[in-house]
PDB file of N, CA and C in Angstrom:
ATOM      1  N   UNK A   1      -3.068  -0.947  10.083  1.00  0.00           N
ATOM      2  CA  UNK A   1      -3.310  -2.362  10.279  1.00  0.00           C
ATOM      3  C   UNK A   1      -3.363  -2.638  11.778  1.00  0.00           C
ATOM      4  N   UNK A   2      -4.438  -3.248  12.193  1.00  0.00           N
ATOM      5  CA  UNK A   2      -4.629  -3.593  13.601  1.00  0.00           C
ATOM      6  C   UNK A   2      -4.660  -5.118  13.708  1.00  0.00           C
ATOM      7  N   UNK A   3      -3.688  -5.673  14.406  1.00  0.00           N
ATOM      8  CA  UNK A   3      -3.596  -7.128  14.554  1.00  0.00           C
ATOM      9  C   UNK A   3      -4.134  -7.526  15.925  1.00  0.00           C
ATOM     10  N   UNK A   4      -5.067  -8.473  15.906  1.00  0.00           N
ATOM     11  CA  UNK A   4      -5.696  -8.972  17.128  1.00  0.00           C
ATOM     12  C   UNK A   4      -5.495 -10.487  17.183  1.00  0.00           C
ATOM     13  N   UNK A   5      -5.188 -11.001  18.342  1.00  0.00           N
ATOM     14  CA  UNK A   5      -5.118 -12.451  18.535  1.00  0.00           C
ATOM     15  C   UNK A   5      -6.361 -12.855  19.314  1.00  0.00           C
ATOM     16  N   UNK A   6      -7.184 -13.669  18.661  1.00  0.00           N
ATOM     17  CA  UNK A   6      -8.443 -14.100  19.284  1.00  0.00           C
ATOM     18  C   UNK A   6      -8.860 -15.405  18.624  1.00  0.00           C
ATOM     19  N   UNK A   7      -8.435 -16.516  19.199  1.00  0.00           N
ATOM     20  CA  UNK A   7      -8.638 -17.812  18.555  1.00  0.00           C
ATOM     21  C   UNK A   7     -10.098 -18.216  18.426  1.00  0.00           C
ATOM     22  N   UNK A   8     -10.975 -17.616  19.202  1.00  0.00           N
ATOM     23  CA  UNK A   8     -12.385 -18.009  19.149  1.00  0.00           C
ATOM     24  C   UNK A   8     -13.144 -17.355  17.995  1.00  0.00           C
ATOM     25  N   UNK A   9     -12.517 -16.397  17.320  1.00  0.00           N
ATOM     26  CA  UNK A   9     -13.144 -15.750  16.175  1.00  0.00           C
ATOM     27  C   UNK A   9     -12.790 -16.451  14.865  1.00  0.00           C
ATOM     28  N   UNK A  10     -11.785 -17.310  14.915  1.00  0.00           N
ATOM     29  CA  UNK A  10     -11.355 -18.014  13.707  1.00  0.00           C
ATOM     30  C   UNK A  10     -11.649 -19.503  13.835  1.00  0.00           C
ATOM     31  N   UNK A  11     -12.087 -20.129  12.742  1.00  0.00           N
ATOM     32  CA  UNK A  11     -12.263 -21.588  12.771  1.00  0.00           C
ATOM     33  C   UNK A  11     -10.924 -22.274  13.065  1.00  0.00           C
ATOM     34  N   UNK A  12     -10.970 -23.493  13.534  1.00  0.00           N
ATOM     35  CA  UNK A  12      -9.758 -24.218  13.934  1.00  0.00           C
ATOM     36  C   UNK A  12      -8.729 -24.333  12.813  1.00  0.00           C
ATOM     37  N   UNK A  13      -9.181 -24.457  11.575  1.00  0.00           N
ATOM     38  CA  UNK A  13      -8.270 -24.667  10.454  1.00  0.00           C
ATOM     39  C   UNK A  13      -7.741 -23.343   9.883  1.00  0.00           C
ATOM     40  N   UNK A  14      -8.135 -22.212  10.451  1.00  0.00           N
ATOM     41  CA  UNK A  14      -7.745 -20.897   9.939  1.00  0.00           C
ATOM     42  C   UNK A  14      -6.736 -20.255  10.884  1.00  0.00           C
ATOM     43  N   UNK A  15      -5.612 -19.796  10.322  1.00  0.00           N
ATOM     44  CA  UNK A  15      -4.602 -19.110  11.134  1.00  0.00           C
ATOM     45  C   UNK A  15      -4.873 -17.617  11.224  1.00  0.00           C
ATOM     46  N   UNK A  16      -5.504 -17.064  10.202  1.00  0.00           N
ATOM     47  CA  UNK A  16      -5.779 -15.639  10.206  1.00  0.00           C
ATOM     48  C   UNK A  16      -6.951 -15.299   9.312  1.00  0.00           C
ATOM     49  N   UNK A  17      -7.614 -14.208   9.637  1.00  0.00           N
ATOM     50  CA  UNK A  17      -8.732 -13.727   8.832  1.00  0.00           C
ATOM     51  C   UNK A  17      -8.671 -12.197   8.857  1.00  0.00           C
ATOM     52  N   UNK A  18      -9.011 -11.594   7.738  1.00  0.00           N
ATOM     53  CA  UNK A  18      -8.971 -10.146   7.632  1.00  0.00           C
ATOM     54  C   UNK A  18     -10.385  -9.597   7.556  1.00  0.00           C
ATOM     55  N   UNK A  19     -10.699  -8.723   8.476  1.00  0.00           N
ATOM     56  CA  UNK A  19     -11.983  -8.018   8.512  1.00  0.00           C
ATOM     57  C   UNK A  19     -11.630  -6.541   8.666  1.00  0.00           C
ATOM     58  N   UNK A  20     -11.525  -5.847   7.545  1.00  0.00           N
ATOM     59  CA  UNK A  20     -11.016  -4.482   7.531  1.00  0.00           C
ATOM     60  C   UNK A  20     -11.584  -3.658   8.673  1.00  0.00           C
ATOM     61  N   UNK A  21     -10.741  -3.012   9.428  1.00  0.00           N
ATOM     62  CA  UNK A  21      -9.290  -2.805   9.326  1.00  0.00           C
ATOM     63  C   UNK A  21      -8.472  -3.765  10.204  1.00  0.00           C
ATOM     64  N   UNK A  22      -9.062  -4.870  10.574  1.00  0.00           N
ATOM     65  CA  UNK A  22      -8.418  -5.797  11.507  1.00  0.00           C
ATOM     66  C   UNK A  22      -7.878  -7.042  10.810  1.00  0.00           C
ATOM     67  N   UNK A  23      -6.754  -7.525  11.324  1.00  0.00           N
ATOM     68  CA  UNK A  23      -6.260  -8.858  11.006  1.00  0.00           C
ATOM     69  C   UNK A  23      -6.413  -9.646  12.303  1.00  0.00           C
ATOM     70  N   UNK A  24      -7.205 -10.695  12.259  1.00  0.00           N
ATOM     71  CA  UNK A  24      -7.449 -11.512  13.449  1.00  0.00           C
ATOM     72  C   UNK A  24      -6.661 -12.811  13.292  1.00  0.00           C
ATOM     73  N   UNK A  25      -5.788 -13.084  14.242  1.00  0.00           N
ATOM     74  CA  UNK A  25      -4.965 -14.293  14.227  1.00  0.00           C
ATOM     75  C   UNK A  25      -5.434 -15.243  15.315  1.00  0.00           C
ATOM     76  N   UNK A  26      -5.237 -16.530  15.062  1.00  0.00           N
ATOM     77  CA  UNK A  26      -5.676 -17.520  16.046  1.00  0.00           C
ATOM     78  C   UNK A  26      -4.630 -17.786  17.128  1.00  0.00           C
ATOM     79  N   UNK A  27      -3.361 -17.495  16.847  1.00  0.00           N
ATOM     80  CA  UNK A  27      -2.289 -17.759  17.814  1.00  0.00           C
ATOM     81  C   UNK A  27      -1.351 -16.553  17.915  1.00  0.00           C
ATOM     82  N   UNK A  28      -0.871 -16.276  19.099  1.00  0.00           N
ATOM     83  CA  UNK A  28       0.032 -15.143  19.324  1.00  0.00           C
ATOM     84  C   UNK A  28       1.318 -15.280  18.509  1.00  0.00           C
ATOM     85  N   UNK A  29       1.809 -16.490  18.363  1.00  0.00           N
ATOM     86  CA  UNK A  29       3.048 -16.731  17.620  1.00  0.00           C
ATOM     87  C   UNK A  29       2.936 -16.262  16.170  1.00  0.00           C
ATOM     88  N   UNK A  30       1.724 -16.264  15.627  1.00  0.00           N
ATOM     89  CA  UNK A  30       1.523 -15.859  14.231  1.00  0.00           C
ATOM     90  C   UNK A  30       1.778 -14.374  13.998  1.00  0.00           C
ATOM     91  N   UNK A  31       1.852 -13.578  15.050  1.00  0.00           N
ATOM     92  CA  UNK A  31       2.185 -12.156  14.901  1.00  0.00           C
ATOM     93  C   UNK A  31       3.602 -11.973  14.368  1.00  0.00           C
ATOM     94  N   UNK A  32       4.420 -13.030  14.478  1.00  0.00           N
ATOM     95  CA  UNK A  32       5.799 -12.978  14.004  1.00  0.00           C
ATOM     96  C   UNK A  32       5.957 -13.573  12.607  1.00  0.00           C
ATOM     97  N   UNK A  33       4.907 -14.136  12.056  1.00  0.00           N
ATOM     98  CA  UNK A  33       4.959 -14.776  10.738  1.00  0.00           C
ATOM     99  C   UNK A  33       4.754 -13.713   9.653  1.00  0.00           C
ATOM    100  N   UNK A  34       5.863 -13.235   9.085  1.00  0.00           N
ATOM    101  CA  UNK A  34       5.779 -12.135   8.116  1.00  0.00           C
ATOM    102  C   UNK A  34       5.050 -12.535   6.839  1.00  0.00           C
ATOM    103  N   UNK A  35       5.139 -13.797   6.454  1.00  0.00           N
ATOM    104  CA  UNK A  35       4.446 -14.260   5.246  1.00  0.00           C
ATOM    105  C   UNK A  35       2.938 -14.261   5.479  1.00  0.00           C
ATOM    106  N   UNK A  36       2.503 -14.796   6.604  1.00  0.00           N
ATOM    107  CA  UNK A  36       1.073 -14.787   6.935  1.00  0.00           C
ATOM    108  C   UNK A  36       0.549 -13.354   7.024  1.00  0.00           C
ATOM    109  N   UNK A  37       1.281 -12.485   7.693  1.00  0.00           N
ATOM    110  CA  UNK A  37       0.848 -11.088   7.814  1.00  0.00           C
ATOM    111  C   UNK A  37       0.790 -10.404   6.451  1.00  0.00           C
ATOM    112  N   UNK A  38       1.734 -10.714   5.577  1.00  0.00           N
ATOM    113  CA  UNK A  38       1.703 -10.132   4.231  1.00  0.00           C
ATOM    114  C   UNK A  38       0.488 -10.637   3.459  1.00  0.00           C
ATOM    115  N   UNK A  39       0.181 -11.917   3.587  1.00  0.00           N
ATOM    116  CA  UNK A  39      -1.011 -12.500   2.957  1.00  0.00           C
ATOM    117  C   UNK A  39      -2.253 -11.729   3.411  1.00  0.00           C
ATOM    118  N   UNK A  40      -2.359 -11.500   4.699  1.00  0.00           N
ATOM    119  CA  UNK A  40      -3.524 -10.789   5.236  1.00  0.00           C
ATOM    120  C   UNK A  40      -3.516  -9.309   4.852  1.00  0.00           C
ATOM    121  N   UNK A  41      -2.339  -8.707   4.725  1.00  0.00           N
ATOM    122  CA  UNK A  41      -2.258  -7.309   4.260  1.00  0.00           C
ATOM    123  C   UNK A  41      -2.764  -7.184   2.826  1.00  0.00           C
ATOM    124  N   UNK A  42      -2.484  -8.188   2.016  1.00  0.00           N
ATOM    125  CA  UNK A  42      -2.999  -8.187   0.643  1.00  0.00           C
ATOM    126  C   UNK A  42      -4.519  -8.166   0.682  1.00  0.00           C
ATOM    127  N   UNK A  43      -5.116  -8.948   1.572  1.00  0.00           N
ATOM    128  CA  UNK A  43      -6.580  -8.928   1.717  1.00  0.00           C
ATOM    129  C   UNK A  43      -7.075  -7.567   2.220  1.00  0.00           C
ATOM    130  N   UNK A  44      -6.318  -6.931   3.096  1.00  0.00           N
ATOM    131  CA  UNK A  44      -6.704  -5.586   3.543  1.00  0.00           C
ATOM    132  C   UNK A  44      -6.789  -4.634   2.355  1.00  0.00           C
ATOM    133  N   UNK A  45      -5.796  -4.695   1.482  1.00  0.00           N
ATOM    134  CA  UNK A  45      -5.790  -3.823   0.305  1.00  0.00           C
ATOM    135  C   UNK A  45      -6.968  -4.134  -0.606  1.00  0.00           C
ATOM    136  N   UNK A  46      -7.242  -5.421  -0.810  1.00  0.00           N
ATOM    137  CA  UNK A  46      -8.383  -5.815  -1.645  1.00  0.00           C
ATOM    138  C   UNK A  46      -9.687  -5.276  -1.064  1.00  0.00           C
ATOM    139  N   UNK A  47      -9.845  -5.412   0.241  1.00  0.00           N
ATOM    140  CA  UNK A  47     -11.072  -4.945   0.896  1.00  0.00           C
ATOM    141  C   UNK A  47     -11.185  -3.427   0.831  1.00  0.00           C
ATOM    142  N   UNK A  48     -10.076  -2.742   0.950  1.00  0.00           N
ATOM    143  CA  UNK A  48     -10.075  -1.288   0.861  1.00  0.00           C
ATOM    144  C   UNK A  48     -10.476  -0.834  -0.545  1.00  0.00           C
ATOM    145  N   UNK A  49      -9.962  -1.507  -1.557  1.00  0.00           N
ATOM    146  CA  UNK A  49     -10.268  -1.149  -2.945  1.00  0.00           C
ATOM    147  C   UNK A  49     -11.727  -1.401  -3.303  1.00  0.00           C
ATOM    148  N   UNK A  50     -12.259  -2.513  -2.862  1.00  0.00           N
ATOM    149  CA  UNK A  50     -13.621  -2.895  -3.250  1.00  0.00           C
ATOM    150  C   UNK A  50     -14.681  -2.412  -2.274  1.00  0.00           C
ATOM    151  N   UNK A  51     -14.270  -1.941  -1.123  1.00  0.00           N
ATOM    152  CA  UNK A  51     -15.159  -1.685  -0.004  1.00  0.00           C
ATOM    153  C   UNK A  51     -15.438  -3.055   0.628  1.00  0.00           C
ATOM    154  N   UNK A  52     -15.662  -3.090   1.874  1.00  0.00           N
ATOM    155  CA  UNK A  52     -15.702  -4.346   2.619  1.00  0.00           C
ATOM    156  C   UNK A  52     -16.882  -5.236   2.232  1.00  0.00           C
ATOM    157  N   UNK A  53     -18.081  -4.706   2.215  1.00  0.00           N
ATOM    158  CA  UNK A  53     -19.263  -5.539   1.936  1.00  0.00           C
ATOM    159  C   UNK A  53     -19.220  -6.118   0.521  1.00  0.00           C
ATOM    160  N   UNK A  54     -18.962  -5.312  -0.528  1.00  0.00           N
ATOM    161  CA  UNK A  54     -18.866  -5.911  -1.871  1.00  0.00           C
ATOM    162  C   UNK A  54     -17.762  -6.972  -1.968  1.00  0.00           C
ATOM    163  N   UNK A  55     -16.651  -6.738  -1.266  1.00  0.00           N
ATOM    164  CA  UNK A  55     -15.570  -7.727  -1.255  1.00  0.00           C
ATOM    165  C   UNK A  55     -16.088  -9.079  -0.781  1.00  0.00           C
ATOM    166  N   UNK A  56     -16.783  -9.092   0.353  1.00  0.00           N
ATOM    167  CA  UNK A  56     -17.250 -10.361   0.903  1.00  0.00           C
ATOM    168  C   UNK A  56     -18.373 -10.974   0.071  1.00  0.00           C
ATOM    169  N   UNK A  57     -19.184 -10.163  -0.567  1.00  0.00           N
ATOM    170  CA  UNK A  57     -20.219 -10.700  -1.462  1.00  0.00           C
ATOM    171  C   UNK A  57     -19.560 -11.420  -2.631  1.00  0.00           C
ATOM    172  N   UNK A  58     -18.584 -10.769  -3.270  1.00  0.00           N
ATOM    173  CA  UNK A  58     -17.871 -11.400  -4.393  1.00  0.00           C
ATOM    174  C   UNK A  58     -17.115 -12.630  -3.906  1.00  0.00           C
ATOM    175  N   UNK A  59     -16.489 -12.543  -2.739  1.00  0.00           N
ATOM    176  CA  UNK A  59     -15.737 -13.660  -2.165  1.00  0.00           C
ATOM    177  C   UNK A  59     -16.642 -14.883  -1.999  1.00  0.00           C
ATOM    178  N   UNK A  60     -17.803 -14.678  -1.422  1.00  0.00           N
ATOM    179  CA  UNK A  60     -18.747 -15.787  -1.190  1.00  0.00           C
ATOM    180  C   UNK A  60     -19.281 -16.336  -2.506  1.00  0.00           C
ATOM    181  N   UNK A  61     -19.603 -15.470  -3.445  1.00  0.00           N
ATOM    182  CA  UNK A  61     -20.096 -15.928  -4.755  1.00  0.00           C
ATOM    183  C   UNK A  61     -19.033 -16.759  -5.462  1.00  0.00           C
ATOM    184  N   UNK A  62     -17.792 -16.276  -5.467  1.00  0.00           N
ATOM    185  CA  UNK A  62     -16.708 -17.046  -6.093  1.00  0.00           C
ATOM    186  C   UNK A  62     -16.540 -18.402  -5.408  1.00  0.00           C
ATOM    187  N   UNK A  63     -16.615 -18.408  -4.085  1.00  0.00           N
ATOM    188  CA  UNK A  63     -16.489 -19.672  -3.363  1.00  0.00           C
ATOM    189  C   UNK A  63     -17.613 -20.631  -3.752  1.00  0.00           C
ATOM    190  N   UNK A  64     -18.839 -20.144  -3.796  1.00  0.00           N
ATOM    191  CA  UNK A  64     -19.985 -21.008  -4.127  1.00  0.00           C
ATOM    192  C   UNK A  64     -19.880 -21.568  -5.542  1.00  0.00           C
ATOM    193  N   UNK A  65     -19.511 -20.727  -6.507  1.00  0.00           N
ATOM    194  CA  UNK A  65     -19.323 -21.222  -7.872  1.00  0.00           C
ATOM    195  C   UNK A  65     -18.199 -22.255  -7.924  1.00  0.00           C
ATOM    196  N   UNK A  66     -17.119 -21.986  -7.199  1.00  0.00           N
ATOM    197  CA  UNK A  66     -16.010 -22.934  -7.147  1.00  0.00           C
ATOM    198  C   UNK A  66     -16.414 -24.250  -6.511  1.00  0.00           C
ATOM    199  N   UNK A  67     -17.226 -24.167  -5.471  1.00  0.00           N
ATOM    200  CA  UNK A  67     -17.676 -25.391  -4.809  1.00  0.00           C
ATOM    201  C   UNK A  67     -18.573 -26.214  -5.725  1.00  0.00           C
ATOM    202  N   UNK A  68     -19.442 -25.546  -6.459  1.00  0.00           N
ATOM    203  CA  UNK A  68     -20.300 -26.252  -7.422  1.00  0.00           C
ATOM    204  C   UNK A  68     -19.437 -26.902  -8.501  1.00  0.00           C
ATOM    205  N   UNK A  69     -18.420 -26.190  -8.950  1.00  0.00           N
ATOM    206  CA  UNK A  69     -17.544 -26.693 -10.012  1.00  0.00           C
ATOM    207  C   UNK A  69     -16.669 -27.859  -9.539  1.00  0.00           C
ATOM    208  N   UNK A  70     -16.029 -27.714  -8.383  1.00  0.00           N
ATOM    209  CA  UNK A  70     -15.041 -28.696  -7.931  1.00  0.00           C
ATOM    210  C   UNK A  70     -15.581 -29.716  -6.930  1.00  0.00           C
ATOM    211  N   UNK A  71     -16.702 -29.422  -6.277  1.00  0.00           N
ATOM    212  CA  UNK A  71     -17.263 -30.290  -5.234  1.00  0.00           C
ATOM    213  C   UNK A  71     -16.253 -30.571  -4.127  1.00  0.00           C
ATOM    214  N   UNK A  72     -15.424 -29.555  -3.857  1.00  0.00           N
ATOM    215  CA  UNK A  72     -14.383 -29.664  -2.842  1.00  0.00           C
ATOM    216  C   UNK A  72     -14.177 -28.269  -2.255  1.00  0.00           C
ATOM    217  N   UNK A  73     -14.419 -28.084  -0.961  1.00  0.00           N
ATOM    218  CA  UNK A  73     -14.362 -26.741  -0.386  1.00  0.00           C
ATOM    219  C   UNK A  73     -12.950 -26.166  -0.391  1.00  0.00           C
ATOM    220  N   UNK A  74     -11.923 -27.017  -0.220  1.00  0.00           N
ATOM    221  CA  UNK A  74     -10.544 -26.516  -0.220  1.00  0.00           C
ATOM    222  C   UNK A  74     -10.135 -26.012  -1.598  1.00  0.00           C
ATOM    223  N   UNK A  75     -10.513 -26.764  -2.621  1.00  0.00           N
ATOM    224  CA  UNK A  75     -10.196 -26.344  -3.988  1.00  0.00           C
ATOM    225  C   UNK A  75     -10.983 -25.090  -4.360  1.00  0.00           C
ATOM    226  N   UNK A  76     -12.231 -25.020  -3.919  1.00  0.00           N
ATOM    227  CA  UNK A  76     -13.049 -23.828  -4.166  1.00  0.00           C
ATOM    228  C   UNK A  76     -12.403 -22.607  -3.500  1.00  0.00           C
ATOM    229  N   UNK A  77     -11.954 -22.774  -2.270  1.00  0.00           N
ATOM    230  CA  UNK A  77     -11.301 -21.684  -1.530  1.00  0.00           C
ATOM    231  C   UNK A  77     -10.021 -21.232  -2.231  1.00  0.00           C
ATOM    232  N   UNK A  78      -9.184 -22.168  -2.625  1.00  0.00           N
ATOM    233  CA  UNK A  78      -7.901 -21.842  -3.258  1.00  0.00           C
ATOM    234  C   UNK A  78      -8.078 -21.176  -4.621  1.00  0.00           C
ATOM    235  N   UNK A  79      -9.254 -21.344  -5.247  1.00  0.00           N
ATOM    236  CA  UNK A  79      -9.502 -20.762  -6.563  1.00  0.00           C
ATOM    237  C   UNK A  79     -10.227 -19.421  -6.520  1.00  0.00           C
ATOM    238  N   UNK A  80     -10.502 -18.901  -5.347  1.00  0.00           N
ATOM    239  CA  UNK A  80     -11.063 -17.554  -5.236  1.00  0.00           C
ATOM    240  C   UNK A  80      -9.972 -16.578  -5.691  1.00  0.00           C
ATOM    241  N   UNK A  81     -10.321 -15.649  -6.564  1.00  0.00           N
ATOM    242  CA  UNK A  81      -9.318 -14.736  -7.130  1.00  0.00           C
ATOM    243  C   UNK A  81      -8.534 -13.992  -6.045  1.00  0.00           C
ATOM    244  N   UNK A  82      -9.190 -13.585  -4.986  1.00  0.00           N
ATOM    245  CA  UNK A  82      -8.517 -12.867  -3.902  1.00  0.00           C
ATOM    246  C   UNK A  82      -7.476 -13.758  -3.224  1.00  0.00           C
ATOM    247  N   UNK A  83      -7.819 -15.022  -3.030  1.00  0.00           N
ATOM    248  CA  UNK A  83      -6.882 -15.965  -2.411  1.00  0.00           C
ATOM    249  C   UNK A  83      -5.736 -16.298  -3.365  1.00  0.00           C
ATOM    250  N   UNK A  84      -6.042 -16.431  -4.634  1.00  0.00           N
ATOM    251  CA  UNK A  84      -4.988 -16.723  -5.612  1.00  0.00           C
ATOM    252  C   UNK A  84      -3.948 -15.610  -5.623  1.00  0.00           C
ATOM    253  N   UNK A  85      -4.424 -14.363  -5.611  1.00  0.00           N
ATOM    254  CA  UNK A  85      -3.480 -13.241  -5.566  1.00  0.00           C
ATOM    255  C   UNK A  85      -2.673 -13.272  -4.271  1.00  0.00           C
ATOM    256  N   UNK A  86      -3.332 -13.474  -3.149  1.00  0.00           N
ATOM    257  CA  UNK A  86      -2.645 -13.449  -1.855  1.00  0.00           C
ATOM    258  C   UNK A  86      -1.635 -14.591  -1.724  1.00  0.00           C
ATOM    259  N   UNK A  87      -2.020 -15.806  -2.107  1.00  0.00           N
ATOM    260  CA  UNK A  87      -1.088 -16.935  -2.005  1.00  0.00           C
ATOM    261  C   UNK A  87       0.073 -16.796  -2.985  1.00  0.00           C
ATOM    262  N   UNK A  88      -0.190 -16.295  -4.177  1.00  0.00           N
ATOM    263  CA  UNK A  88       0.867 -16.139  -5.176  1.00  0.00           C
ATOM    264  C   UNK A  88       1.923 -15.137  -4.718  1.00  0.00           C
ATOM    265  N   UNK A  89       1.512 -14.104  -4.003  1.00  0.00           N
ATOM    266  CA  UNK A  89       2.412 -12.996  -3.684  1.00  0.00           C
ATOM    267  C   UNK A  89       2.754 -12.842  -2.206  1.00  0.00           C
ATOM    268  N   UNK A  90       2.316 -13.759  -1.362  1.00  0.00           N
ATOM    269  CA  UNK A  90       2.516 -13.594   0.077  1.00  0.00           C
ATOM    270  C   UNK A  90       3.981 -13.577   0.498  1.00  0.00           C
ATOM    271  N   UNK A  91       4.855 -14.227  -0.255  1.00  0.00           N
ATOM    272  CA  UNK A  91       6.277 -14.274   0.109  1.00  0.00           C
ATOM    273  C   UNK A  91       7.054 -13.052  -0.384  1.00  0.00           C
ATOM    274  N   UNK A  92       6.446 -12.282  -1.277  1.00  0.00           N
ATOM    275  CA  UNK A  92       7.068 -11.060  -1.786  1.00  0.00           C
ATOM    276  C   UNK A  92       6.667  -9.910  -0.860  1.00  0.00           C
ATOM    277  N   UNK A  93       7.538  -9.584   0.071  1.00  0.00           N
ATOM    278  CA  UNK A  93       7.210  -8.584   1.083  1.00  0.00           C
ATOM    279  C   UNK A  93       7.146  -7.167   0.515  1.00  0.00           C
ATOM    280  N   UNK A  94       7.550  -6.986  -0.737  1.00  0.00           N
ATOM    281  CA  UNK A  94       7.472  -5.681  -1.401  1.00  0.00           C
ATOM    282  C   UNK A  94       6.310  -5.601  -2.381  1.00  0.00           C
ATOM    283  N   UNK A  95       5.542  -6.667  -2.470  1.00  0.00           N
ATOM    284  CA  UNK A  95       4.449  -6.736  -3.446  1.00  0.00           C
ATOM    285  C   UNK A  95       3.471  -5.570  -3.326  1.00  0.00           C
ATOM    286  N   UNK A  96       3.062  -5.245  -2.143  1.00  0.00           N
ATOM    287  CA  UNK A  96       2.054  -4.193  -1.968  1.00  0.00           C
ATOM    288  C   UNK A  96       2.574  -2.808  -2.349  1.00  0.00           C
ATOM    289  N   UNK A  97       3.883  -2.621  -2.344  1.00  0.00           N
ATOM    290  CA  UNK A  97       4.451  -1.329  -2.741  1.00  0.00           C
ATOM    291  C   UNK A  97       4.316  -1.087  -4.242  1.00  0.00           C
ATOM    292  N   UNK A  98       4.318  -2.164  -5.029  1.00  0.00           N
ATOM    293  CA  UNK A  98       4.244  -2.002  -6.480  1.00  0.00           C
ATOM    294  C   UNK A  98       2.959  -2.560  -7.088  1.00  0.00           C
ATOM    295  N   UNK A  99       2.073  -3.053  -6.267  1.00  0.00           N
ATOM    296  CA  UNK A  99       0.819  -3.653  -6.735  1.00  0.00           C
ATOM    297  C   UNK A  99      -0.076  -2.596  -7.367  1.00  0.00           C
ATOM    298  N   UNK A 100      -0.630  -2.922  -8.540  1.00  0.00           N
ATOM    299  CA  UNK A 100      -1.543  -1.993  -9.205  1.00  0.00           C
ATOM    300  C   UNK A 100      -2.961  -2.148  -8.645  1.00  0.00           C
ATOM    301  N   UNK A 101      -3.768  -1.134  -8.886  1.00  0.00           N
ATOM    302  CA  UNK A 101      -5.141  -1.085  -8.399  1.00  0.00           C
ATOM    303  C   UNK A 101      -5.952  -2.250  -8.961  1.00  0.00           C
ATOM    304  N   UNK A 102      -6.744  -2.897  -8.133  1.00  0.00           N
ATOM    305  CA  UNK A 102      -7.606  -4.029  -8.482  1.00  0.00           C
ATOM    306  C   UNK A 102      -6.816  -5.157  -9.165  1.00  0.00           C
ATOM    307  N   UNK A 103      -5.630  -5.412  -8.711  1.00  0.00           N
ATOM    308  CA  UNK A 103      -4.750  -6.422  -9.305  1.00  0.00           C
ATOM    309  C   UNK A 103      -5.349  -7.826  -9.234  1.00  0.00           C
ATOM    310  N   UNK A 104      -6.245  -8.064  -8.291  1.00  0.00           N
ATOM    311  CA  UNK A 104      -6.857  -9.388  -8.159  1.00  0.00           C
ATOM    312  C   UNK A 104      -7.586  -9.806  -9.434  1.00  0.00           C
ATOM    313  N   UNK A 105      -7.969  -8.846 -10.288  1.00  0.00           N
ATOM    314  CA  UNK A 105      -8.665  -9.183 -11.539  1.00  0.00           C
ATOM    315  C   UNK A 105      -7.800 -10.048 -12.453  1.00  0.00           C
ATOM    316  N   UNK A 106      -6.496  -9.938 -12.308  1.00  0.00           N
ATOM    317  CA  UNK A 106      -5.575 -10.780 -13.088  1.00  0.00           C
ATOM    318  C   UNK A 106      -5.785 -12.263 -12.772  1.00  0.00           C
ATOM    319  N   UNK A 107      -6.328 -12.570 -11.619  1.00  0.00           N
ATOM    320  CA  UNK A 107      -6.426 -13.950 -11.151  1.00  0.00           C
ATOM    321  C   UNK A 107      -7.777 -14.593 -11.424  1.00  0.00           C
ATOM    322  N   UNK A 108      -8.614 -13.942 -12.215  1.00  0.00           N
ATOM    323  CA  UNK A 108      -9.897 -14.552 -12.601  1.00  0.00           C
ATOM    324  C   UNK A 108      -9.680 -15.584 -13.674  1.00  0.00           C
TER     325      UNK A 108
END
């Protein structure tokens, strides 16, 4: 895991983004946020399992379907299966040790 702080790569409303093998944070202080880092580590695992390009294709498709369904970008984002898995388990710092392969499928 390579953590980079570069606020110009992330939109203002985003604290972190994962682009395998990097976690890009918008603020240096976020390097100490274990919950945020765990959330992004979950995305690293998802991207590793699916391969990076297919991950982002599915991510965008899920977002677009969610946006059509809810007409709200925040609700569409929160309903992406990858985000649902990450938000549900971000506080469990041992989650990745026991997580099964392609676990995000549970969140469809």
